[in-house]
Amino acid sequence: MSSYYKTVFDNPHFIIVDKAPLVLSVPSRLGIEDQRPCLDHLLEKDLSCKIFPVHRLDFEVSGLIMFAKTAEAHRAGNSWFETKKIEKTYIALTSSVDLPSEKLGVPFEWKCSLLRGKKRSYESPQGKMAITQGILKSKTEDGNYRWYLNPVTGRSHQLRFELFRHGTSIIGDELYGSKENFSKPGIALKAFEINLSNILERQKFGLSEKITILEF
């Protein structure tokens, strides 16, 4: 069993794994000079076949990520994400020190024009529209806040920036202002559900309506 990922779903068309934090989804711009573990390479080695990424997770973020095993599946997967037929749900934990701007149990939608800099994303008229839907789900036993977030768009650092913009930070996310260490590696952001129910060709590719794993 790999310490970098756990296989959640696998068939001739797609593989969906639970990525550990502090693992790259795909090779970085540094290429072979980057010594960090890379899920793309690990899966190709373990499966002994070519794989194709259809979306990504940040290095610090854990959770569900989908790869195609064939060119046909890759084209289909890319189309599903581009047309927003796949819905991903993340859980984020933020500190009790920062008072959230949203109310418990009330759904919301956030929009901003987001541009990626060298390290961080920020609002800019030159950016692309970022849309996030979600709900401030509950308070944890230790007083922190639990959020469920659905990125309608897939901008870089979208969820991390939006929480920062709304007055709080994901626990462990020093890049966006967190002063609190997370009890696990990485940051307290995890993709725990992929909803595939809107995909008409789902049965053709042997996919379930929904893939869900434990949160934290």
N, C-alpha and C. Protein backbone atom coordinates (compact mmCIF):
# COMPACT_ATOMS: atom_id res chain seq x y z
N MET A 1 0.84 -1.20 0.00
CA MET A 1 0.00 0.00 0.00
C MET A 1 0.88 1.25 0.00
N SER A 2 0.56 2.20 -0.89
CA SER A 2 1.36 3.41 -1.01
C SER A 2 1.03 4.38 0.12
N SER A 3 2.04 5.08 0.61
CA SER A 3 1.81 6.11 1.61
C SER A 3 1.40 7.43 0.95
N TYR A 4 1.45 7.46 -0.38
CA TYR A 4 1.14 8.69 -1.11
C TYR A 4 -0.29 8.76 -1.60
N TYR A 5 -0.96 7.62 -1.69
CA TYR A 5 -2.35 7.61 -2.16
C TYR A 5 -3.02 6.29 -1.78
N LYS A 6 -4.35 6.33 -1.78
CA LYS A 6 -5.15 5.12 -1.61
C LYS A 6 -6.14 5.04 -2.77
N THR A 7 -6.21 3.90 -3.41
CA THR A 7 -7.13 3.73 -4.53
C THR A 7 -8.56 3.63 -4.01
N VAL A 8 -9.44 4.44 -4.56
CA VAL A 8 -10.85 4.46 -4.16
C VAL A 8 -11.73 3.84 -5.24
N PHE A 9 -11.36 4.04 -6.50
CA PHE A 9 -12.12 3.50 -7.63
C PHE A 9 -11.14 3.20 -8.75
N ASP A 10 -11.35 2.07 -9.45
CA ASP A 10 -10.43 1.70 -10.52
C ASP A 10 -11.15 0.82 -11.52
N ASN A 11 -11.14 1.22 -12.79
CA ASN A 11 -11.67 0.36 -13.85
C ASN A 11 -10.84 0.61 -15.10
N PRO A 12 -11.14 0.00 -16.24
CA PRO A 12 -10.28 0.19 -17.43
C PRO A 12 -10.24 1.63 -17.96
N HIS A 13 -11.16 2.49 -17.53
CA HIS A 13 -11.25 3.84 -18.06
C HIS A 13 -10.66 4.90 -17.13
N PHE A 14 -10.92 4.78 -15.84
CA PHE A 14 -10.53 5.80 -14.88
C PHE A 14 -10.00 5.17 -13.59
N ILE A 15 -9.16 5.92 -12.91
CA ILE A 15 -8.80 5.60 -11.54
C ILE A 15 -8.99 6.85 -10.69
N ILE A 16 -9.60 6.68 -9.53
CA ILE A 16 -9.80 7.78 -8.58
C ILE A 16 -9.10 7.39 -7.29
N VAL A 17 -8.23 8.25 -6.82
CA VAL A 17 -7.47 7.94 -5.61
C VAL A 17 -7.65 9.05 -4.58
N ASP A 18 -7.36 8.71 -3.35
CA ASP A 18 -7.32 9.66 -2.24
C ASP A 18 -5.86 10.07 -2.08
N LYS A 19 -5.54 11.26 -2.56
CA LYS A 19 -4.16 11.75 -2.53
C LYS A 19 -3.77 12.20 -1.13
N ALA A 20 -2.62 11.81 -0.70
CA ALA A 20 -2.10 12.31 0.57
C ALA A 20 -1.66 13.76 0.41
N PRO A 21 -1.64 14.54 1.49
CA PRO A 21 -1.07 15.89 1.40
C PRO A 21 0.42 15.83 1.15
N LEU A 22 0.97 16.93 0.66
CA LEU A 22 2.40 17.07 0.38
C LEU A 22 2.86 16.12 -0.72
N VAL A 23 1.96 15.91 -1.68
CA VAL A 23 2.25 15.14 -2.89
C VAL A 23 1.76 15.96 -4.09
N LEU A 24 2.61 16.13 -5.09
CA LEU A 24 2.21 16.82 -6.30
C LEU A 24 1.19 15.98 -7.07
N SER A 25 0.22 16.64 -7.69
CA SER A 25 -0.72 15.93 -8.56
C SER A 25 -0.05 15.56 -9.88
N VAL A 26 0.62 16.53 -10.47
CA VAL A 26 1.33 16.36 -11.74
C VAL A 26 2.70 17.02 -11.60
N PRO A 27 3.61 16.77 -12.51
CA PRO A 27 4.94 17.37 -12.39
C PRO A 27 4.88 18.89 -12.35
N SER A 28 5.75 19.49 -11.57
CA SER A 28 5.82 20.94 -11.48
C SER A 28 6.62 21.50 -12.64
N ARG A 29 6.74 22.83 -12.68
CA ARG A 29 7.51 23.47 -13.75
C ARG A 29 8.98 23.12 -13.70
N LEU A 30 9.45 22.66 -12.55
CA LEU A 30 10.87 22.32 -12.41
C LEU A 30 11.21 20.97 -13.02
N GLY A 31 10.18 20.18 -13.33
CA GLY A 31 10.42 18.87 -13.94
C GLY A 31 11.17 17.93 -13.02
N ILE A 32 12.17 17.25 -13.57
CA ILE A 32 12.90 16.24 -12.80
C ILE A 32 13.74 16.85 -11.69
N GLU A 33 13.94 18.17 -11.72
CA GLU A 33 14.69 18.82 -10.65
C GLU A 33 13.88 18.91 -9.36
N ASP A 34 12.57 18.78 -9.47
CA ASP A 34 11.70 18.80 -8.30
C ASP A 34 11.64 17.40 -7.69
N GLN A 35 12.17 17.27 -6.50
CA GLN A 35 12.30 15.95 -5.86
C GLN A 35 11.06 15.54 -5.06
N ARG A 36 10.04 16.38 -5.02
CA ARG A 36 8.83 16.03 -4.28
C ARG A 36 8.10 14.87 -4.95
N PRO A 37 7.43 13.99 -4.17
CA PRO A 37 6.68 12.89 -4.78
C PRO A 37 5.58 13.43 -5.69
N CYS A 38 5.38 12.77 -6.82
CA CYS A 38 4.41 13.22 -7.82
C CYS A 38 3.44 12.08 -8.13
N LEU A 39 2.17 12.31 -7.89
CA LEU A 39 1.15 11.27 -8.04
C LEU A 39 1.09 10.74 -9.46
N ASP A 40 1.19 11.61 -10.44
CA ASP A 40 1.18 11.21 -11.84
C ASP A 40 2.22 10.12 -12.10
N HIS A 41 3.45 10.37 -11.68
CA HIS A 41 4.53 9.40 -11.90
C HIS A 41 4.33 8.13 -11.08
N LEU A 42 3.88 8.29 -9.84
CA LEU A 42 3.69 7.14 -8.97
C LEU A 42 2.64 6.18 -9.54
N LEU A 43 1.54 6.74 -10.03
CA LEU A 43 0.48 5.90 -10.59
C LEU A 43 0.92 5.19 -11.86
N GLU A 44 1.62 5.91 -12.72
CA GLU A 44 2.10 5.27 -13.95
C GLU A 44 3.05 4.11 -13.64
N LYS A 45 3.88 4.30 -12.63
CA LYS A 45 4.80 3.23 -12.25
C LYS A 45 4.04 2.05 -11.64
N ASP A 46 3.10 2.33 -10.74
CA ASP A 46 2.38 1.26 -10.05
C ASP A 46 1.41 0.53 -10.97
N LEU A 47 0.80 1.24 -11.93
CA LEU A 47 -0.18 0.64 -12.83
C LEU A 47 0.45 0.11 -14.11
N SER A 48 1.68 0.50 -14.35
CA SER A 48 2.39 0.09 -15.58
C SER A 48 1.63 0.50 -16.84
N CYS A 49 1.08 1.72 -16.82
CA CYS A 49 0.38 2.23 -17.99
C CYS A 49 0.40 3.75 -17.97
N LYS A 50 0.13 4.34 -19.13
CA LYS A 50 0.05 5.78 -19.24
C LYS A 50 -1.26 6.26 -18.61
N ILE A 51 -1.20 7.35 -17.84
CA ILE A 51 -2.41 7.95 -17.29
C ILE A 51 -2.48 9.41 -17.67
N PHE A 52 -3.70 9.98 -17.59
CA PHE A 52 -3.93 11.35 -18.04
C PHE A 52 -4.69 12.11 -16.95
N PRO A 53 -4.14 13.18 -16.41
CA PRO A 53 -4.85 13.95 -15.38
C PRO A 53 -6.03 14.71 -16.00
N VAL A 54 -7.14 14.75 -15.30
CA VAL A 54 -8.30 15.53 -15.76
C VAL A 54 -8.59 16.71 -14.82
N HIS A 55 -7.97 16.74 -13.66
CA HIS A 55 -8.01 17.89 -12.77
C HIS A 55 -6.86 17.75 -11.78
N ARG A 56 -6.70 18.71 -10.89
CA ARG A 56 -5.55 18.70 -9.98
C ARG A 56 -5.95 19.12 -8.57
N LEU A 57 -5.10 18.77 -7.62
CA LEU A 57 -5.20 19.26 -6.25
C LEU A 57 -3.87 19.93 -5.90
N ASP A 58 -3.93 20.97 -5.08
CA ASP A 58 -2.70 21.61 -4.62
C ASP A 58 -1.82 20.61 -3.87
N PHE A 59 -0.55 20.87 -3.87
CA PHE A 59 0.44 20.05 -3.16
C PHE A 59 0.05 19.84 -1.70
N GLU A 60 -0.44 20.88 -1.04
CA GLU A 60 -0.75 20.82 0.40
C GLU A 60 -2.10 20.17 0.70
N VAL A 61 -2.92 19.95 -0.33
CA VAL A 61 -4.31 19.52 -0.16
C VAL A 61 -4.43 18.02 -0.37
N SER A 62 -5.28 17.38 0.42
CA SER A 62 -5.51 15.94 0.29
C SER A 62 -6.88 15.68 -0.33
N GLY A 63 -7.10 14.42 -0.72
CA GLY A 63 -8.44 14.03 -1.14
C GLY A 63 -8.52 13.43 -2.53
N LEU A 64 -9.74 13.39 -3.05
CA LEU A 64 -10.06 12.67 -4.27
C LEU A 64 -9.55 13.38 -5.52
N ILE A 65 -8.90 12.61 -6.37
CA ILE A 65 -8.42 13.12 -7.64
C ILE A 65 -8.57 12.01 -8.69
N MET A 66 -8.94 12.43 -9.88
CA MET A 66 -9.33 11.50 -10.94
C MET A 66 -8.33 11.54 -12.09
N PHE A 67 -7.93 10.38 -12.57
CA PHE A 67 -7.06 10.26 -13.74
C PHE A 67 -7.72 9.34 -14.76
N ALA A 68 -7.55 9.66 -16.03
CA ALA A 68 -8.04 8.79 -17.11
C ALA A 68 -6.95 7.81 -17.50
N LYS A 69 -7.39 6.65 -17.99
CA LYS A 69 -6.44 5.62 -18.41
C LYS A 69 -6.33 5.49 -19.92
N THR A 70 -7.25 6.11 -20.65
CA THR A 70 -7.23 6.05 -22.11
C THR A 70 -7.43 7.45 -22.67
N ALA A 71 -7.06 7.62 -23.94
CA ALA A 71 -7.24 8.91 -24.58
C ALA A 71 -8.73 9.27 -24.67
N GLU A 72 -9.58 8.28 -24.93
CA GLU A 72 -11.02 8.53 -25.01
C GLU A 72 -11.56 9.00 -23.66
N ALA A 73 -11.17 8.31 -22.60
CA ALA A 73 -11.61 8.69 -21.26
C ALA A 73 -11.08 10.08 -20.89
N HIS A 74 -9.86 10.38 -21.33
CA HIS A 74 -9.26 11.69 -21.05
C HIS A 74 -10.07 12.80 -21.72
N ARG A 75 -10.43 12.62 -22.97
CA ARG A 75 -11.24 13.62 -23.68
C ARG A 75 -12.58 13.82 -22.98
N ALA A 76 -13.20 12.71 -22.59
CA ALA A 76 -14.49 12.79 -21.91
C ALA A 76 -14.36 13.49 -20.56
N GLY A 77 -13.36 13.11 -19.78
CA GLY A 77 -13.15 13.70 -18.46
C GLY A 77 -12.89 15.19 -18.53
N ASN A 78 -12.04 15.59 -19.48
CA ASN A 78 -11.78 17.02 -19.66
C ASN A 78 -13.06 17.77 -19.99
N SER A 79 -13.89 17.19 -20.85
CA SER A 79 -15.15 17.82 -21.24
C SER A 79 -16.08 17.96 -20.04
N TRP A 80 -16.14 16.95 -19.19
CA TRP A 80 -17.03 17.01 -18.02
C TRP A 80 -16.63 18.14 -17.08
N PHE A 81 -15.33 18.30 -16.88
CA PHE A 81 -14.88 19.38 -16.00
C PHE A 81 -15.07 20.74 -16.64
N GLU A 82 -14.79 20.84 -17.94
CA GLU A 82 -14.93 22.12 -18.64
C GLU A 82 -16.38 22.59 -18.66
N THR A 83 -17.31 21.65 -18.78
CA THR A 83 -18.74 22.00 -18.83
C THR A 83 -19.39 21.93 -17.45
N LYS A 84 -18.58 21.76 -16.42
CA LYS A 84 -19.04 21.79 -15.02
C LYS A 84 -20.08 20.73 -14.71
N LYS A 85 -19.94 19.55 -15.32
CA LYS A 85 -20.86 18.45 -15.03
C LYS A 85 -20.43 17.67 -13.79
N ILE A 86 -19.19 17.85 -13.39
CA ILE A 86 -18.68 17.18 -12.19
C ILE A 86 -18.66 18.18 -11.04
N GLU A 87 -19.21 17.79 -9.92
CA GLU A 87 -19.22 18.66 -8.73
C GLU A 87 -18.32 18.06 -7.67
N LYS A 88 -17.35 18.83 -7.22
CA LYS A 88 -16.44 18.41 -6.16
C LYS A 88 -16.82 19.13 -4.87
N THR A 89 -16.79 18.40 -3.77
CA THR A 89 -17.06 19.01 -2.47
C THR A 89 -15.83 18.84 -1.58
N TYR A 90 -15.43 19.94 -0.98
CA TYR A 90 -14.28 19.97 -0.07
C TYR A 90 -14.75 20.27 1.34
N ILE A 91 -14.01 19.77 2.31
CA ILE A 91 -14.18 20.21 3.68
C ILE A 91 -12.97 21.06 4.03
N ALA A 92 -13.23 22.17 4.68
CA ALA A 92 -12.16 23.05 5.16
C ALA A 92 -12.40 23.33 6.64
N LEU A 93 -11.34 23.36 7.40
CA LEU A 93 -11.41 23.73 8.81
C LEU A 93 -10.70 25.06 8.99
N THR A 94 -11.39 26.01 9.65
CA THR A 94 -10.77 27.30 9.93
C THR A 94 -10.76 27.55 11.44
N SER A 95 -9.91 28.43 11.86
CA SER A 95 -9.65 28.65 13.28
C SER A 95 -10.81 29.35 13.99
N SER A 96 -10.97 29.01 15.27
CA SER A 96 -11.96 29.68 16.10
C SER A 96 -11.54 31.12 16.42
N VAL A 97 -10.28 31.44 16.19
CA VAL A 97 -9.78 32.79 16.47
C VAL A 97 -10.38 33.80 15.48
N ASP A 98 -10.61 33.35 14.25
CA ASP A 98 -11.13 34.22 13.20
C ASP A 98 -12.64 34.04 13.09
N LEU A 99 -13.38 35.10 13.26
CA LEU A 99 -14.84 35.03 13.18
C LEU A 99 -15.27 35.02 11.72
N PRO A 100 -15.96 33.96 11.26
CA PRO A 100 -16.37 33.90 9.86
C PRO A 100 -17.40 34.98 9.53
N SER A 101 -17.39 35.40 8.27
CA SER A 101 -18.35 36.40 7.82
C SER A 101 -19.69 35.78 7.45
N GLU A 102 -19.74 34.46 7.28
CA GLU A 102 -20.99 33.78 6.92
C GLU A 102 -21.65 33.19 8.16
N LYS A 103 -22.96 32.91 8.04
CA LYS A 103 -23.72 32.37 9.16
C LYS A 103 -23.81 30.86 9.06
N LEU A 104 -23.82 30.21 10.22
CA LEU A 104 -23.93 28.76 10.25
C LEU A 104 -25.19 28.29 9.54
N GLY A 105 -25.03 27.29 8.66
CA GLY A 105 -26.18 26.64 8.03
C GLY A 105 -26.82 27.40 6.89
N VAL A 106 -26.27 28.54 6.49
CA VAL A 106 -26.87 29.35 5.43
C VAL A 106 -26.01 29.22 4.16
N PRO A 107 -26.56 28.64 3.08
CA PRO A 107 -25.78 28.51 1.84
C PRO A 107 -25.37 29.88 1.29
N PHE A 108 -24.23 29.92 0.61
CA PHE A 108 -23.73 31.17 0.05
C PHE A 108 -23.08 30.91 -1.29
N GLU A 109 -22.84 31.99 -2.03
CA GLU A 109 -22.07 31.94 -3.26
C GLU A 109 -21.11 33.12 -3.27
N TRP A 110 -19.84 32.82 -3.50
CA TRP A 110 -18.81 33.86 -3.56
C TRP A 110 -18.32 33.99 -5.00
N LYS A 111 -18.07 35.24 -5.42
CA LYS A 111 -17.53 35.49 -6.75
C LYS A 111 -16.40 36.51 -6.63
N CYS A 112 -15.35 36.30 -7.39
CA CYS A 112 -14.29 37.29 -7.47
C CYS A 112 -13.50 37.07 -8.75
N SER A 113 -12.74 38.09 -9.15
CA SER A 113 -11.86 37.99 -10.31
C SER A 113 -10.47 37.62 -9.81
N LEU A 114 -10.04 36.40 -10.07
CA LEU A 114 -8.87 35.84 -9.40
C LEU A 114 -7.71 35.67 -10.38
N LEU A 115 -6.53 36.11 -9.93
CA LEU A 115 -5.31 35.99 -10.73
C LEU A 115 -4.24 35.31 -9.90
N ARG A 116 -3.52 34.38 -10.49
CA ARG A 116 -2.46 33.66 -9.78
C ARG A 116 -1.13 34.39 -9.95
N GLY A 117 -0.49 34.70 -8.81
CA GLY A 117 0.84 35.27 -8.83
C GLY A 117 1.89 34.17 -8.74
N LYS A 118 3.12 34.54 -8.38
CA LYS A 118 4.18 33.54 -8.28
C LYS A 118 3.92 32.53 -7.17
N LYS A 119 3.36 33.01 -6.06
CA LYS A 119 3.08 32.11 -4.95
C LYS A 119 1.61 32.09 -4.58
N ARG A 120 0.98 33.26 -4.56
CA ARG A 120 -0.40 33.37 -4.10
C ARG A 120 -1.32 33.84 -5.21
N SER A 121 -2.60 33.60 -5.02
CA SER A 121 -3.61 34.17 -5.90
C SER A 121 -4.17 35.44 -5.26
N TYR A 122 -4.66 36.34 -6.08
CA TYR A 122 -5.18 37.60 -5.56
C TYR A 122 -6.22 38.15 -6.52
N GLU A 123 -7.05 39.08 -6.01
CA GLU A 123 -8.05 39.72 -6.85
C GLU A 123 -7.39 40.69 -7.81
N SER A 124 -7.88 40.68 -9.07
CA SER A 124 -7.34 41.57 -10.07
C SER A 124 -8.33 41.73 -11.21
N PRO A 125 -8.45 42.93 -11.77
CA PRO A 125 -9.30 43.11 -12.95
C PRO A 125 -8.86 42.24 -14.12
N GLN A 126 -7.58 41.84 -14.13
CA GLN A 126 -7.06 40.99 -15.20
C GLN A 126 -7.29 39.50 -14.91
N GLY A 127 -7.87 39.18 -13.76
CA GLY A 127 -8.08 37.79 -13.38
C GLY A 127 -9.28 37.16 -14.08
N LYS A 128 -9.51 35.89 -13.77
CA LYS A 128 -10.64 35.15 -14.30
C LYS A 128 -11.70 34.97 -13.20
N MET A 129 -12.95 34.92 -13.60
CA MET A 129 -14.03 34.78 -12.64
C MET A 129 -13.91 33.47 -11.86
N ALA A 130 -13.96 33.58 -10.55
CA ALA A 130 -13.95 32.41 -9.66
C ALA A 130 -15.27 32.37 -8.91
N ILE A 131 -15.95 31.24 -8.97
CA ILE A 131 -17.26 31.09 -8.32
C ILE A 131 -17.19 29.92 -7.35
N THR A 132 -17.56 30.18 -6.12
CA THR A 132 -17.55 29.15 -5.07
C THR A 132 -18.90 29.15 -4.37
N GLN A 133 -19.48 27.96 -4.26
CA GLN A 133 -20.70 27.79 -3.47
C GLN A 133 -20.37 26.97 -2.24
N GLY A 134 -21.12 27.18 -1.16
CA GLY A 134 -20.80 26.42 0.04
C GLY A 134 -21.72 26.72 1.19
N ILE A 135 -21.33 26.18 2.33
CA ILE A 135 -22.09 26.38 3.56
C ILE A 135 -21.14 26.26 4.75
N LEU A 136 -21.30 27.13 5.71
CA LEU A 136 -20.58 27.00 6.97
C LEU A 136 -21.32 25.96 7.78
N LYS A 137 -20.78 24.74 7.78
CA LYS A 137 -21.53 23.57 8.23
C LYS A 137 -21.74 23.53 9.74
N SER A 138 -20.69 23.72 10.51
CA SER A 138 -20.82 23.55 11.97
C SER A 138 -19.56 24.04 12.67
N LYS A 139 -19.61 24.04 14.00
CA LYS A 139 -18.42 24.26 14.82
C LYS A 139 -17.96 22.91 15.35
N THR A 140 -16.66 22.71 15.40
CA THR A 140 -16.12 21.46 15.91
C THR A 140 -16.09 21.50 17.44
N GLU A 141 -15.78 20.38 18.04
CA GLU A 141 -15.73 20.30 19.50
C GLU A 141 -14.68 21.24 20.09
N ASP A 142 -13.62 21.49 19.35
CA ASP A 142 -12.57 22.39 19.86
C ASP A 142 -12.81 23.84 19.43
N GLY A 143 -14.00 24.13 18.88
CA GLY A 143 -14.37 25.50 18.60
C GLY A 143 -14.01 26.01 17.22
N ASN A 144 -13.35 25.18 16.39
CA ASN A 144 -13.04 25.60 15.03
C ASN A 144 -14.29 25.50 14.15
N TYR A 145 -14.19 25.99 12.92
CA TYR A 145 -15.33 26.01 12.01
C TYR A 145 -15.13 25.01 10.88
N ARG A 146 -16.20 24.30 10.53
CA ARG A 146 -16.19 23.31 9.46
C ARG A 146 -17.00 23.85 8.28
N TRP A 147 -16.36 23.92 7.11
CA TRP A 147 -17.00 24.42 5.90
C TRP A 147 -17.12 23.31 4.86
N TYR A 148 -18.23 23.32 4.09
CA TYR A 148 -18.34 22.51 2.89
C TYR A 148 -18.31 23.47 1.71
N LEU A 149 -17.40 23.24 0.77
CA LEU A 149 -17.19 24.17 -0.33
C LEU A 149 -17.24 23.45 -1.67
N ASN A 150 -17.94 24.04 -2.64
CA ASN A 150 -18.04 23.51 -4.00
C ASN A 150 -17.50 24.54 -4.98
N PRO A 151 -16.30 24.33 -5.50
CA PRO A 151 -15.77 25.26 -6.50
C PRO A 151 -16.46 25.05 -7.85
N VAL A 152 -17.29 26.01 -8.26
CA VAL A 152 -17.95 25.91 -9.56
C VAL A 152 -16.92 26.08 -10.66
N THR A 153 -15.97 26.97 -10.44
CA THR A 153 -14.82 27.12 -11.33
C THR A 153 -13.61 26.48 -10.67
N GLY A 154 -12.56 26.30 -11.42
CA GLY A 154 -11.38 25.62 -10.88
C GLY A 154 -10.14 26.48 -10.92
N ARG A 155 -10.21 27.67 -10.37
CA ARG A 155 -9.05 28.56 -10.36
C ARG A 155 -8.01 28.13 -9.32
N SER A 156 -6.78 28.49 -9.59
CA SER A 156 -5.69 28.12 -8.68
C SER A 156 -5.87 28.78 -7.31
N HIS A 157 -5.80 27.99 -6.26
CA HIS A 157 -5.91 28.45 -4.88
C HIS A 157 -7.27 29.10 -4.58
N GLN A 158 -8.27 28.76 -5.37
CA GLN A 158 -9.57 29.43 -5.26
C GLN A 158 -10.16 29.36 -3.85
N LEU A 159 -10.25 28.18 -3.28
CA LEU A 159 -10.88 28.03 -1.97
C LEU A 159 -10.01 28.65 -0.87
N ARG A 160 -8.73 28.50 -0.99
CA ARG A 160 -7.81 29.04 0.01
C ARG A 160 -7.90 30.56 0.04
N PHE A 161 -7.92 31.18 -1.14
CA PHE A 161 -8.01 32.63 -1.20
C PHE A 161 -9.38 33.13 -0.72
N GLU A 162 -10.46 32.46 -1.12
CA GLU A 162 -11.79 32.93 -0.75
C GLU A 162 -12.00 32.96 0.76
N LEU A 163 -11.55 31.93 1.45
CA LEU A 163 -11.68 31.94 2.90
C LEU A 163 -10.86 33.07 3.51
N PHE A 164 -9.67 33.27 2.99
CA PHE A 164 -8.83 34.39 3.43
C PHE A 164 -9.53 35.72 3.17
N ARG A 165 -10.13 35.84 1.99
CA ARG A 165 -10.82 37.09 1.62
C ARG A 165 -12.02 37.36 2.50
N HIS A 166 -12.61 36.30 3.04
CA HIS A 166 -13.80 36.45 3.89
C HIS A 166 -13.46 36.40 5.38
N GLY A 167 -12.21 36.73 5.70
CA GLY A 167 -11.86 37.00 7.08
C GLY A 167 -11.34 35.84 7.89
N THR A 168 -11.03 34.72 7.25
CA THR A 168 -10.51 33.58 8.00
C THR A 168 -9.52 32.83 7.11
N SER A 169 -8.81 31.86 7.66
CA SER A 169 -7.83 31.09 6.90
C SER A 169 -7.95 29.63 7.25
N ILE A 170 -7.66 28.79 6.28
CA ILE A 170 -7.64 27.35 6.52
C ILE A 170 -6.51 27.02 7.50
N ILE A 171 -6.81 26.21 8.49
CA ILE A 171 -5.80 25.85 9.49
C ILE A 171 -4.58 25.23 8.82
N GLY A 172 -3.42 25.75 9.16
CA GLY A 172 -2.16 25.28 8.60
C GLY A 172 -1.73 25.97 7.33
N ASP A 173 -2.59 26.82 6.76
CA ASP A 173 -2.29 27.46 5.48
C ASP A 173 -1.59 28.80 5.72
N GLU A 174 -0.30 28.73 6.04
CA GLU A 174 0.47 29.93 6.33
C GLU A 174 0.50 30.89 5.15
N LEU A 175 0.45 30.38 3.94
CA LEU A 175 0.50 31.22 2.75
C LEU A 175 -0.66 32.22 2.72
N TYR A 176 -1.79 31.82 3.32
CA TYR A 176 -2.97 32.69 3.36
C TYR A 176 -3.34 33.08 4.79
N GLY A 177 -2.33 33.27 5.61
CA GLY A 177 -2.52 33.95 6.88
C GLY A 177 -2.79 33.10 8.11
N SER A 178 -2.79 31.77 7.99
CA SER A 178 -3.07 30.95 9.17
C SER A 178 -1.94 31.04 10.18
N LYS A 179 -2.31 31.19 11.43
CA LYS A 179 -1.32 31.22 12.53
C LYS A 179 -1.38 29.93 13.34
N GLU A 180 -2.21 28.99 12.93
CA GLU A 180 -2.44 27.77 13.69
C GLU A 180 -1.93 26.55 12.92
N ASN A 181 -1.20 25.68 13.58
CA ASN A 181 -0.70 24.47 12.95
C ASN A 181 -1.81 23.42 12.85
N PHE A 182 -1.88 22.74 11.71
CA PHE A 182 -2.81 21.63 11.54
C PHE A 182 -2.21 20.39 12.19
N SER A 183 -3.05 19.54 12.73
CA SER A 183 -2.58 18.35 13.45
C SER A 183 -2.07 17.26 12.51
N LYS A 184 -2.27 17.44 11.20
CA LYS A 184 -1.82 16.48 10.20
C LYS A 184 -0.93 17.18 9.19
N PRO A 185 -0.24 16.43 8.34
CA PRO A 185 0.55 17.09 7.29
C PRO A 185 -0.34 17.92 6.37
N GLY A 186 0.24 18.92 5.73
CA GLY A 186 -0.51 19.74 4.80
C GLY A 186 -1.40 20.74 5.50
N ILE A 187 -2.49 21.11 4.84
CA ILE A 187 -3.44 22.07 5.39
C ILE A 187 -4.80 21.40 5.55
N ALA A 188 -5.68 22.04 6.31
CA ALA A 188 -6.99 21.44 6.64
C ALA A 188 -8.00 21.68 5.52
N LEU A 189 -7.67 21.17 4.35
CA LEU A 189 -8.55 21.23 3.18
C LEU A 189 -8.49 19.90 2.48
N LYS A 190 -9.67 19.29 2.27
CA LYS A 190 -9.71 17.95 1.67
C LYS A 190 -10.89 17.82 0.72
N ALA A 191 -10.62 17.28 -0.46
CA ALA A 191 -11.67 16.97 -1.43
C ALA A 191 -12.25 15.60 -1.06
N PHE A 192 -13.44 15.58 -0.48
CA PHE A 192 -13.96 14.31 0.04
C PHE A 192 -15.11 13.72 -0.77
N GLU A 193 -15.59 14.45 -1.80
CA GLU A 193 -16.69 13.90 -2.60
C GLU A 193 -16.60 14.38 -4.04
N ILE A 194 -16.82 13.45 -4.98
CA ILE A 194 -16.96 13.77 -6.39
C ILE A 194 -18.34 13.28 -6.83
N ASN A 195 -19.17 14.20 -7.30
CA ASN A 195 -20.52 13.88 -7.75
C ASN A 195 -20.51 13.78 -9.28
N LEU A 196 -20.83 12.59 -9.79
CA LEU A 196 -20.80 12.32 -11.24
C LEU A 196 -22.20 12.12 -11.80
N SER A 197 -23.22 12.45 -11.03
CA SER A 197 -24.61 12.12 -11.41
C SER A 197 -25.09 12.86 -12.66
N ASN A 198 -24.43 13.97 -13.02
CA ASN A 198 -24.86 14.74 -14.19
C ASN A 198 -24.24 14.27 -15.50
N ILE A 199 -23.43 13.23 -15.43
CA ILE A 199 -22.74 12.74 -16.63
C ILE A 199 -23.61 11.71 -17.34
N LEU A 200 -24.04 12.02 -18.56
CA LEU A 200 -24.93 11.12 -19.30
C LEU A 200 -24.23 9.83 -19.68
N GLU A 201 -22.90 9.91 -19.97
CA GLU A 201 -22.16 8.71 -20.39
C GLU A 201 -21.59 7.93 -19.21
N ARG A 202 -22.10 8.19 -18.04
CA ARG A 202 -21.52 7.58 -16.83
C ARG A 202 -21.46 6.06 -16.94
N GLN A 203 -22.53 5.44 -17.38
CA GLN A 203 -22.58 3.97 -17.44
C GLN A 203 -21.61 3.44 -18.50
N LYS A 204 -21.45 4.18 -19.58
CA LYS A 204 -20.51 3.76 -20.63
C LYS A 204 -19.11 3.60 -20.07
N PHE A 205 -18.75 4.48 -19.13
CA PHE A 205 -17.41 4.44 -18.54
C PHE A 205 -17.39 3.72 -17.19
N GLY A 206 -18.53 3.10 -16.82
CA GLY A 206 -18.57 2.30 -15.59
C GLY A 206 -18.42 3.10 -14.32
N LEU A 207 -18.91 4.33 -14.32
CA LEU A 207 -18.73 5.21 -13.17
C LEU A 207 -19.97 5.22 -12.26
N SER A 208 -19.74 5.33 -10.97
CA SER A 208 -20.82 5.48 -10.00
C SER A 208 -21.35 6.91 -10.03
N GLU A 209 -22.50 7.13 -9.42
CA GLU A 209 -23.06 8.48 -9.34
C GLU A 209 -22.22 9.37 -8.44
N LYS A 210 -21.65 8.79 -7.40
CA LYS A 210 -20.96 9.61 -6.40
C LYS A 210 -19.84 8.80 -5.75
N ILE A 211 -18.70 9.43 -5.59
CA ILE A 211 -17.55 8.84 -4.89
C ILE A 211 -17.31 9.68 -3.65
N THR A 212 -17.33 9.03 -2.48
CA THR A 212 -17.17 9.76 -1.22
C THR A 212 -16.18 9.03 -0.31
N ILE A 213 -15.36 9.80 0.38
CA ILE A 213 -14.46 9.25 1.38
C ILE A 213 -14.68 9.98 2.71
N LEU A 214 -14.04 9.49 3.76
CA LEU A 214 -14.14 10.15 5.06
C LEU A 214 -13.51 11.54 4.98
N GLU A 215 -13.98 12.45 5.80
CA GLU A 215 -13.49 13.83 5.77
C GLU A 215 -12.08 13.89 6.39
N PHE A 216 -11.98 14.20 7.69
CA PHE A 216 -10.68 14.16 8.36
C PHE A 216 -10.74 13.17 9.51
